[in-house]
C-alpha atoms as a PDB file:
ATOM      1  CA  MET A   1     150.518 158.740  76.384  1.00  0.00           C
ATOM      2  CA  GLN A   2     149.875 156.179  74.371  1.00  0.00           C
ATOM      3  CA  ILE A   3     146.703 155.979  72.114  1.00  0.00           C
ATOM      4  CA  THR A   4     145.685 152.350  71.487  1.00  0.00           C
ATOM      5  CA  ILE A   5     142.549 151.603  68.655  1.00  0.00           C
ATOM      6  CA  THR A   6     141.016 148.519  69.673  1.00  0.00           C
ATOM      7  CA  THR A   7     139.596 146.044  67.230  1.00  0.00           C
ATOM      8  CA  ARG A   8     135.953 146.836  68.484  1.00  0.00           C
ATOM      9  CA  GLN A   9     136.554 150.749  67.690  1.00  0.00           C
ATOM     10  CA  ILE A  10     137.835 149.868  63.988  1.00  0.00           C
ATOM     11  CA  LEU A  11     134.834 147.753  63.556  1.00  0.00           C
ATOM     12  CA  THR A  12     132.916 150.266  64.953  1.00  0.00           C
ATOM     13  CA  VAL A  13     134.540 152.769  62.101  1.00  0.00           C
ATOM     14  CA  LEU A  14     133.770 150.051  59.509  1.00  0.00           C
ATOM     15  CA  TYR A  15     130.296 149.744  60.725  1.00  0.00           C
ATOM     16  CA  ILE A  16     129.648 153.166  59.637  1.00  0.00           C
ATOM     17  CA  ILE A  17     131.671 153.549  56.556  1.00  0.00           C
ATOM     18  CA  SER A  18     129.883 150.281  55.742  1.00  0.00           C
ATOM     19  CA  TRP A  19     126.682 151.999  55.614  1.00  0.00           C
ATOM     20  CA  ILE A  20     127.833 155.128  54.415  1.00  0.00           C
ATOM     21  CA  ILE A  21     128.966 152.715  50.915  1.00  0.00           C
ATOM     22  CA  PHE A  22     125.897 151.072  51.346  1.00  0.00           C
ATOM     23  CA  ILE A  23     123.574 153.901  50.606  1.00  0.00           C
ATOM     24  CA  GLY A  24     125.630 154.717  48.242  1.00  0.00           C
ATOM     25  CA  VAL A  25     125.600 151.703  46.067  1.00  0.00           C
ATOM     26  CA  CYS A  26     121.773 151.629  46.866  1.00  0.00           C
ATOM     27  CA  ILE A  27     121.216 154.749  45.071  1.00  0.00           C
ATOM     28  CA  ASP A  28     123.653 153.803  42.227  1.00  0.00           C
ATOM     29  CA  ALA A  29     121.868 150.821  41.556  1.00  0.00           C
ATOM     30  CA  GLY A  30     118.780 152.110  41.608  1.00  0.00           C
ATOM     31  CA  SER A  31     119.226 154.875  39.285  1.00  0.00           C
ATOM     32  CA  PHE A  32     120.112 152.335  36.806  1.00  0.00           C
ATOM     33  CA  PHE A  33     116.665 150.719  36.914  1.00  0.00           C
ATOM     34  CA  PHE A  34     114.782 154.001  37.535  1.00  0.00           C
ATOM     35  CA  ASN A  35     116.974 155.953  34.526  1.00  0.00           C
ATOM     36  CA  ALA A  36     116.469 152.406  32.267  1.00  0.00           C
ATOM     37  CA  VAL A  37     112.095 153.023  32.902  1.00  0.00           C
ATOM     38  CA  TYR A  38     111.822 156.304  33.038  1.00  0.00           C
ATOM     39  CA  SER A  39     113.522 156.784  29.947  1.00  0.00           C
ATOM     40  CA  LEU A  40     112.243 154.107  28.131  1.00  0.00           C
ATOM     41  CA  VAL A  41     108.387 154.978  29.069  1.00  0.00           C
ATOM     42  CA  PHE A  42     108.555 158.212  30.474  1.00  0.00           C
ATOM     43  CA  ASN A  43     111.399 160.758  28.857  1.00  0.00           C
ATOM     44  CA  LYS A  44     113.584 159.505  25.960  1.00  0.00           C
ATOM     45  CA  TYR A  45     116.344 162.845  26.929  1.00  0.00           C
ATOM     46  CA  ALA A  46     116.782 160.905  30.219  1.00  0.00           C
ATOM     47  CA  ALA A  47     118.970 158.668  28.676  1.00  0.00           C
ATOM     48  CA  ASP A  48     121.442 161.049  28.416  1.00  0.00           C
ATOM     49  CA  TYR A  49     122.253 161.122  32.061  1.00  0.00           C
ATOM     50  CA  PHE A  50     123.975 158.126  31.568  1.00  0.00           C
ATOM     51  CA  HIS A  51     124.715 159.606  28.286  1.00  0.00           C
ATOM     52  CA  LEU A  52     123.706 156.752  26.582  1.00  0.00           C
ATOM     53  CA  SER A  53     120.709 158.870  24.433  1.00  0.00           C
ATOM     54  CA  ALA A  54     123.132 157.418  21.574  1.00  0.00           C
ATOM     55  CA  LEU A  55     122.233 154.279  21.816  1.00  0.00           C
ATOM     56  CA  TYR A  56     118.911 154.983  23.080  1.00  0.00           C
ATOM     57  CA  GLN A  57     118.005 156.591  19.337  1.00  0.00           C
ATOM     58  CA  TYR A  58     120.092 153.423  17.511  1.00  0.00           C
ATOM     59  CA  ASP A  59     117.823 150.833  19.466  1.00  0.00           C
ATOM     60  CA  GLN A  60     116.016 150.773  22.979  1.00  0.00           C
ATOM     61  CA  GLY A  61     116.623 147.325  23.457  1.00  0.00           C
ATOM     62  CA  HIS A  62     120.453 147.997  23.420  1.00  0.00           C
ATOM     63  CA  PHE A  63     119.625 150.806  25.515  1.00  0.00           C
ATOM     64  CA  ALA A  64     117.033 148.426  28.012  1.00  0.00           C
ATOM     65  CA  VAL A  65     120.008 145.359  28.097  1.00  0.00           C
ATOM     66  CA  GLN A  66     122.701 147.403  28.554  1.00  0.00           C
ATOM     67  CA  LEU A  67     121.021 149.343  31.587  1.00  0.00           C
ATOM     68  CA  LEU A  68     120.202 145.753  32.833  1.00  0.00           C
ATOM     69  CA  LEU A  69     124.112 145.222  32.878  1.00  0.00           C
ATOM     70  CA  MET A  70     124.807 147.666  34.818  1.00  0.00           C
ATOM     71  CA  GLY A  71     121.886 147.539  37.093  1.00  0.00           C
ATOM     72  CA  ILE A  72     122.683 143.728  37.842  1.00  0.00           C
ATOM     73  CA  GLN A  73     126.150 145.085  38.605  1.00  0.00           C
ATOM     74  CA  GLY A  74     125.142 146.987  41.050  1.00  0.00           C
ATOM     75  CA  VAL A  75     122.803 144.822  42.995  1.00  0.00           C
ATOM     76  CA  LEU A  76     125.038 142.616  43.146  1.00  0.00           C
ATOM     77  CA  LYS A  77     127.696 145.196  45.194  1.00  0.00           C
ATOM     78  CA  ALA A  78     124.532 146.483  47.090  1.00  0.00           C
ATOM     79  CA  ILE A  79     123.966 143.084  48.452  1.00  0.00           C
ATOM     80  CA  MET A  80     127.852 142.578  48.915  1.00  0.00           C
ATOM     81  CA  PHE A  81     127.901 146.156  51.095  1.00  0.00           C
ATOM     82  CA  TYR A  82     123.881 144.549  52.572  1.00  0.00           C
ATOM     83  CA  LEU A  83     125.925 141.753  53.579  1.00  0.00           C
ATOM     84  CA  ILE A  84     128.791 143.437  55.704  1.00  0.00           C
ATOM     85  CA  VAL A  85     126.143 145.584  57.396  1.00  0.00           C
ATOM     86  CA  LYS A  86     124.507 142.585  59.162  1.00  0.00           C
ATOM     87  CA  ILE A  87     127.721 140.587  59.965  1.00  0.00           C
ATOM     88  CA  LEU A  88     128.963 143.727  61.974  1.00  0.00           C
ATOM     89  CA  LYS A  89     125.797 145.120  63.237  1.00  0.00           C
ATOM     90  CA  ASP A  90     124.605 141.496  64.431  1.00  0.00           C
ATOM     91  CA  LYS A  91     128.298 141.258  65.773  1.00  0.00           C
ATOM     92  CA  LYS A  92     128.942 137.642  64.380  1.00  0.00           C
ATOM     93  CA  LEU A  93     132.401 138.402  64.641  1.00  0.00           C
ATOM     94  CA  ASP A  94     133.672 136.480  67.508  1.00  0.00           C
ATOM     95  CA  MET A  95     137.863 137.088  67.672  1.00  0.00           C
ATOM     96  CA  ALA A  96     137.895 134.115  70.268  1.00  0.00           C
ATOM     97  CA  GLN A  97     136.897 131.421  67.907  1.00  0.00           C
ATOM     98  CA  PRO A  98     137.249 132.874  64.260  1.00  0.00           C
ATOM     99  CA  PHE A  99     136.347 129.788  62.596  1.00  0.00           C
ATOM    100  CA  ASN A 100     132.784 129.278  62.543  1.00  0.00           C
ATOM    101  CA  LYS A 101     130.152 128.181  60.323  1.00  0.00           C
ATOM    102  CA  GLU A 102     128.618 131.843  60.004  1.00  0.00           C
ATOM    103  CA  MET A 103     132.462 133.348  58.918  1.00  0.00           C
ATOM    104  CA  GLY A 104     132.677 130.422  56.766  1.00  0.00           C
ATOM    105  CA  ARG A 105     129.163 131.226  54.677  1.00  0.00           C
ATOM    106  CA  PHE A 106     130.090 135.119  54.771  1.00  0.00           C
ATOM    107  CA  ILE A 107     133.546 135.535  53.134  1.00  0.00           C
ATOM    108  CA  PHE A 108     131.625 132.013  50.867  1.00  0.00           C
ATOM    109  CA  SER A 109     128.929 134.687  49.523  1.00  0.00           C
ATOM    110  CA  MET A 110     131.418 137.672  49.360  1.00  0.00           C
ATOM    111  CA  SER A 111     133.720 135.220  47.078  1.00  0.00           C
ATOM    112  CA  PHE A 112     130.481 134.250  45.141  1.00  0.00           C
ATOM    113  CA  LEU A 113     128.865 138.091  45.150  1.00  0.00           C
ATOM    114  CA  ALA A 114     132.594 138.935  43.732  1.00  0.00           C
ATOM    115  CA  LEU A 115     132.848 136.681  40.978  1.00  0.00           C
ATOM    116  CA  GLY A 116     129.193 137.567  39.750  1.00  0.00           C
ATOM    117  CA  ILE A 117     130.201 141.725  39.336  1.00  0.00           C
ATOM    118  CA  GLY A 118     133.223 140.386  38.069  1.00  0.00           C
ATOM    119  CA  VAL A 119     131.213 138.813  35.420  1.00  0.00           C
ATOM    120  CA  PHE A 120     128.176 141.343  34.256  1.00  0.00           C
ATOM    121  CA  THR A 121     130.783 144.027  34.554  1.00  0.00           C
ATOM    122  CA  HIS A 122     132.897 142.355  32.321  1.00  0.00           C
ATOM    123  CA  TRP A 123     129.902 141.552  30.429  1.00  0.00           C
ATOM    124  CA  GLY A 124     128.517 144.646  29.973  1.00  0.00           C
ATOM    125  CA  MET A 125     131.653 146.277  29.156  1.00  0.00           C
ATOM    126  CA  LYS A 126     131.976 143.929  26.309  1.00  0.00           C
ATOM    127  CA  TYR A 127     128.602 144.494  25.001  1.00  0.00           C
ATOM    128  CA  ALA A 128     129.396 147.868  25.239  1.00  0.00           C
ATOM    129  CA  GLN A 129     132.394 147.821  22.969  1.00  0.00           C
ATOM    130  CA  TRP A 130     130.146 145.496  20.425  1.00  0.00           C
ATOM    131  CA  LEU A 131     127.992 148.596  20.501  1.00  0.00           C
ATOM    132  CA  ALA A 132     130.483 150.853  19.701  1.00  0.00           C
ATOM    133  CA  LYS A 133     131.920 148.347  16.524  1.00  0.00           C
ATOM    134  CA  GLN A 134     128.381 148.674  15.639  1.00  0.00           C
ATOM    135  CA  GLY A 135     128.712 152.514  15.232  1.00  0.00           C
ATOM    136  CA  VAL A 136     127.273 153.699  18.629  1.00  0.00           C
ATOM    137  CA  GLN A 137     128.345 156.722  19.851  1.00  0.00           C
ATOM    138  CA  MET A 138     129.660 154.645  23.661  1.00  0.00           C
ATOM    139  CA  PRO A 139     130.502 157.071  26.850  1.00  0.00           C
ATOM    140  CA  ASP A 140     133.749 155.206  28.366  1.00  0.00           C
ATOM    141  CA  THR A 141     133.001 152.195  30.376  1.00  0.00           C
ATOM    142  CA  GLN A 142     134.311 153.762  33.751  1.00  0.00           C
ATOM    143  CA  GLN A 143     131.894 156.554  32.734  1.00  0.00           C
ATOM    144  CA  LEU A 144     129.133 153.532  32.427  1.00  0.00           C
ATOM    145  CA  ARG A 145     130.944 152.331  35.591  1.00  0.00           C
ATOM    146  CA  LEU A 146     131.820 149.117  34.220  1.00  0.00           C
ATOM    147  CA  GLY A 147     135.443 148.748  34.640  1.00  0.00           C
ATOM    148  CA  GLY A 148     137.312 147.021  36.716  1.00  0.00           C
ATOM    149  CA  ALA A 149     136.215 143.051  35.549  1.00  0.00           C
ATOM    150  CA  ASP A 150     139.254 142.129  36.392  1.00  0.00           C
ATOM    151  CA  VAL A 151     139.646 143.880  39.562  1.00  0.00           C
ATOM    152  CA  TRP A 152     136.481 141.983  40.994  1.00  0.00           C
ATOM    153  CA  LEU A 153     137.666 138.616  39.390  1.00  0.00           C
ATOM    154  CA  PHE A 154     140.922 138.409  41.506  1.00  0.00           C
ATOM    155  CA  MET A 155     138.597 139.520  44.238  1.00  0.00           C
ATOM    156  CA  GLY A 156     136.777 136.902  44.036  1.00  0.00           C
ATOM    157  CA  VAL A 157     139.133 134.190  43.761  1.00  0.00           C
ATOM    158  CA  ILE A 158     141.093 135.137  46.378  1.00  0.00           C
ATOM    159  CA  LEU A 159     138.182 135.726  48.830  1.00  0.00           C
ATOM    160  CA  LEU A 160     137.510 131.534  47.324  1.00  0.00           C
ATOM    161  CA  VAL A 161     140.979 130.967  48.560  1.00  0.00           C
ATOM    162  CA  ILE A 162     139.917 132.292  52.246  1.00  0.00           C
ATOM    163  CA  ALA A 163     136.886 130.949  52.079  1.00  0.00           C
ATOM    164  CA  HIS A 164     138.060 127.245  51.586  1.00  0.00           C
ATOM    165  CA  ILE A 165     141.050 128.061  54.051  1.00  0.00           C
ATOM    166  CA  PHE A 166     138.805 129.151  56.070  1.00  0.00           C
ATOM    167  CA  LYS A 167     136.083 125.545  55.936  1.00  0.00           C
ATOM    168  CA  ARG A 168     139.206 123.832  56.579  1.00  0.00           C
ATOM    169  CA  GLY A 169     139.818 125.961  59.722  1.00  0.00           C
ATOM    170  CA  ILE A 170     136.316 125.443  61.110  1.00  0.00           C
ATOM    171  CA  GLU A 171     136.730 122.089  60.115  1.00  0.00           C
ATOM    172  CA  ILE A 172     139.771 121.240  62.487  1.00  0.00           C
ATOM    173  CA  GLN A 173     137.802 123.412  65.354  1.00  0.00           C
ATOM    174  CA  SER A 174     134.929 121.728  65.380  1.00  0.00           C
ATOM    175  CA  GLU A 175     137.601 118.684  66.168  1.00  0.00           C
ATOM    176  CA  ASN A 176     139.133 119.874  68.442  1.00  0.00           C
ATOM    177  CA  ASP A 177     136.038 121.168  70.611  1.00  0.00           C
ATOM    178  CA  LEU A 178     134.803 117.329  70.062  1.00  0.00           C
ATOM    179  CA  THR A 179     138.002 115.856  71.893  1.00  0.00           C
ATOM    180  CA  VAL A 180     138.396 118.964  74.870  1.00  0.00           C
END
């Protein structure tokens, strides 16, 4: 008995996994903004949720900026997974003709989002390190969810290269469609 896994089955599993990750990153991104507002307006002890109570006591402006940088990278991750869920839901992946404008636009969007996540993650990490040099007790960058900026930048550049290859493939495919 041979078990065959089709591309459609793999895409269905990826669709479900993408939904789960999308919901998780939305909750994560929302927690940054909610915690910032809740800590600044209602309860200063909520700053300890991200282990940033020392930063809150040092300066509330720096606390807000740190959470803003963390929130922006979280929102960019949520947008990235929204686009993945959307392209899988709309079934715009045409395996017969993979070089289409929709797929090219999707890969370009993924590359720019990955680069944006990398930039804001790096910026947030450097900002946290600068605050630590000022004498503020800061948690580890992994606890702040600011680790892996180099990986995001690396992925963004790779996706950008693939996007340009797809762009050329789309041009060749449209030239072939016109000649036939």
